[in-house]
Amino acid sequence: MVLTMAAVAANKKIQVEKLEVQVDAVTDVTEGGQRTRFSSIIDLGQGLSDREIKILFNSARRCEVHKLLGGQIEFEEKLAGSP
């Protein structure tokens, strides 16, 4: 998320004094399985216009990691050479 915001800021020539994100994960176990919720607090520092804040905030919300984690995720492991 921070790397995405930094790349967008550089591309849009937005001068950012601070890019900091705190992420907390909470996992709930239910009858249907397990669900993890990620909660992020984004600190962009001072001196940005409302437009710049919206651009960076939306880039954080739409980063590639969010796309990967937004849907159902499954893991499959295999040893090399096994069917």
C-alpha atoms as a PDB file:
ATOM      1  CA  MET A   1       0.000   0.000   0.000  1.00  0.00           C
ATOM      2  CA  VAL A   2       2.767   2.458   0.916  1.00  0.00           C
ATOM      3  CA  LEU A   3       4.735   1.548  -2.209  1.00  0.00           C
ATOM      4  CA  THR A   4       1.647   2.113  -4.360  1.00  0.00           C
ATOM      5  CA  MET A   5       0.995   5.503  -2.773  1.00  0.00           C
ATOM      6  CA  ALA A   6       4.661   6.489  -3.175  1.00  0.00           C
ATOM      7  CA  ALA A   7       4.604   5.511  -6.852  1.00  0.00           C
ATOM      8  CA  VAL A   8       1.392   7.457  -7.476  1.00  0.00           C
ATOM      9  CA  ALA A   9       2.749  10.482  -5.604  1.00  0.00           C
ATOM     10  CA  ALA A  10       5.919  10.426  -7.699  1.00  0.00           C
ATOM     11  CA  ASN A  11       3.955  10.002 -10.923  1.00  0.00           C
ATOM     12  CA  LYS A  12       1.535  12.827 -10.075  1.00  0.00           C
ATOM     13  CA  LYS A  13       4.366  14.977  -8.644  1.00  0.00           C
ATOM     14  CA  ILE A  14       2.680  15.163  -5.234  1.00  0.00           C
ATOM     15  CA  GLN A  15       5.129  16.268  -2.553  1.00  0.00           C
ATOM     16  CA  VAL A  16       4.459  14.024   0.455  1.00  0.00           C
ATOM     17  CA  GLU A  17       6.191  14.668   3.757  1.00  0.00           C
ATOM     18  CA  LYS A  18       4.959  11.446   5.335  1.00  0.00           C
ATOM     19  CA  LEU A  19       3.624   8.093   4.118  1.00  0.00           C
ATOM     20  CA  GLU A  20       2.888   5.796   6.996  1.00  0.00           C
ATOM     21  CA  VAL A  21       0.396   2.957   7.326  1.00  0.00           C
ATOM     22  CA  GLN A  22      -0.524   0.938  10.379  1.00  0.00           C
ATOM     23  CA  VAL A  23      -2.289  -2.340   9.569  1.00  0.00           C
ATOM     24  CA  ASP A  24      -4.058  -4.521  12.096  1.00  0.00           C
ATOM     25  CA  ALA A  25      -5.443  -7.958  11.273  1.00  0.00           C
ATOM     26  CA  VAL A  26      -8.322  -9.534  13.174  1.00  0.00           C
ATOM     27  CA  THR A  27      -9.206 -13.161  12.521  1.00  0.00           C
ATOM     28  CA  ASP A  28     -12.611 -14.559  13.427  1.00  0.00           C
ATOM     29  CA  VAL A  29     -13.347 -18.272  13.437  1.00  0.00           C
ATOM     30  CA  THR A  30     -16.936 -19.222  12.616  1.00  0.00           C
ATOM     31  CA  GLU A  31     -18.780 -22.398  11.708  1.00  0.00           C
ATOM     32  CA  GLY A  32     -18.211 -21.594   8.037  1.00  0.00           C
ATOM     33  CA  GLY A  33     -14.466 -21.210   8.419  1.00  0.00           C
ATOM     34  CA  GLN A  34     -12.087 -18.406   9.143  1.00  0.00           C
ATOM     35  CA  ARG A  35     -12.298 -14.748   8.162  1.00  0.00           C
ATOM     36  CA  THR A  36      -9.585 -12.120   8.474  1.00  0.00           C
ATOM     37  CA  ARG A  37     -10.314  -8.392   8.428  1.00  0.00           C
ATOM     38  CA  PHE A  38      -7.531  -5.878   7.802  1.00  0.00           C
ATOM     39  CA  SER A  39      -7.904  -2.405   9.274  1.00  0.00           C
ATOM     40  CA  SER A  40      -5.515   0.308   8.056  1.00  0.00           C
ATOM     41  CA  ILE A  41      -4.762   3.777   9.373  1.00  0.00           C
ATOM     42  CA  ILE A  42      -3.044   5.925   6.745  1.00  0.00           C
ATOM     43  CA  ASP A  43      -0.984   8.974   7.778  1.00  0.00           C
ATOM     44  CA  LEU A  44      -0.131  11.336   4.912  1.00  0.00           C
ATOM     45  CA  GLY A  45       1.256  14.107   7.097  1.00  0.00           C
ATOM     46  CA  GLN A  46       0.379  17.761   6.520  1.00  0.00           C
ATOM     47  CA  GLY A  47       0.269  20.127   3.580  1.00  0.00           C
ATOM     48  CA  LEU A  48      -1.678  18.130   0.997  1.00  0.00           C
ATOM     49  CA  SER A  49      -4.736  19.465  -0.803  1.00  0.00           C
ATOM     50  CA  ASP A  50      -8.048  17.605  -0.547  1.00  0.00           C
ATOM     51  CA  ARG A  51      -7.556  16.434  -4.141  1.00  0.00           C
ATOM     52  CA  GLU A  52      -4.069  15.045  -3.399  1.00  0.00           C
ATOM     53  CA  ILE A  53      -5.362  13.259  -0.298  1.00  0.00           C
ATOM     54  CA  LYS A  54      -8.181  11.664  -2.323  1.00  0.00           C
ATOM     55  CA  ILE A  55      -5.761  10.568  -5.054  1.00  0.00           C
ATOM     56  CA  LEU A  56      -3.392   8.897  -2.580  1.00  0.00           C
ATOM     57  CA  PHE A  57      -6.164   7.414  -0.440  1.00  0.00           C
ATOM     58  CA  ASN A  58      -7.877   5.886  -3.479  1.00  0.00           C
ATOM     59  CA  SER A  59      -4.573   4.502  -4.750  1.00  0.00           C
ATOM     60  CA  ALA A  60      -4.104   2.788  -1.371  1.00  0.00           C
ATOM     61  CA  ARG A  61      -7.622   1.342  -1.511  1.00  0.00           C
ATOM     62  CA  ARG A  62      -7.091  -0.006  -5.031  1.00  0.00           C
ATOM     63  CA  CYS A  63      -3.546  -1.347  -4.721  1.00  0.00           C
ATOM     64  CA  GLU A  64      -2.695  -4.793  -6.094  1.00  0.00           C
ATOM     65  CA  VAL A  65      -2.450  -6.354  -2.631  1.00  0.00           C
ATOM     66  CA  HIS A  66      -6.061  -5.360  -1.946  1.00  0.00           C
ATOM     67  CA  LYS A  67      -7.106  -7.006  -5.198  1.00  0.00           C
ATOM     68  CA  LEU A  68      -5.358 -10.229  -4.216  1.00  0.00           C
ATOM     69  CA  LEU A  69      -6.734 -10.299  -0.686  1.00  0.00           C
ATOM     70  CA  GLY A  70     -10.202  -8.992  -1.522  1.00  0.00           C
ATOM     71  CA  GLY A  71     -11.599 -12.291  -2.753  1.00  0.00           C
ATOM     72  CA  GLN A  72     -11.553 -15.788  -1.433  1.00  0.00           C
ATOM     73  CA  ILE A  73      -7.995 -17.076  -1.168  1.00  0.00           C
ATOM     74  CA  GLU A  74      -6.941 -20.696  -1.326  1.00  0.00           C
ATOM     75  CA  PHE A  75      -3.515 -22.187  -0.812  1.00  0.00           C
ATOM     76  CA  GLU A  76      -2.282 -25.324  -2.542  1.00  0.00           C
ATOM     77  CA  GLU A  77       1.078 -26.868  -1.774  1.00  0.00           C
ATOM     78  CA  LYS A  78       2.782 -29.686  -3.674  1.00  0.00           C
ATOM     79  CA  LEU A  79       6.177 -31.240  -3.458  1.00  0.00           C
ATOM     80  CA  ALA A  80       8.233 -31.141  -6.615  1.00  0.00           C
ATOM     81  CA  GLY A  81       7.904 -34.376  -8.586  1.00  0.00           C
ATOM     82  CA  SER A  82       4.622 -35.468  -7.015  1.00  0.00           C
ATOM     83  CA  PRO A  83       1.352 -35.742  -8.999  1.00  0.00           C
END
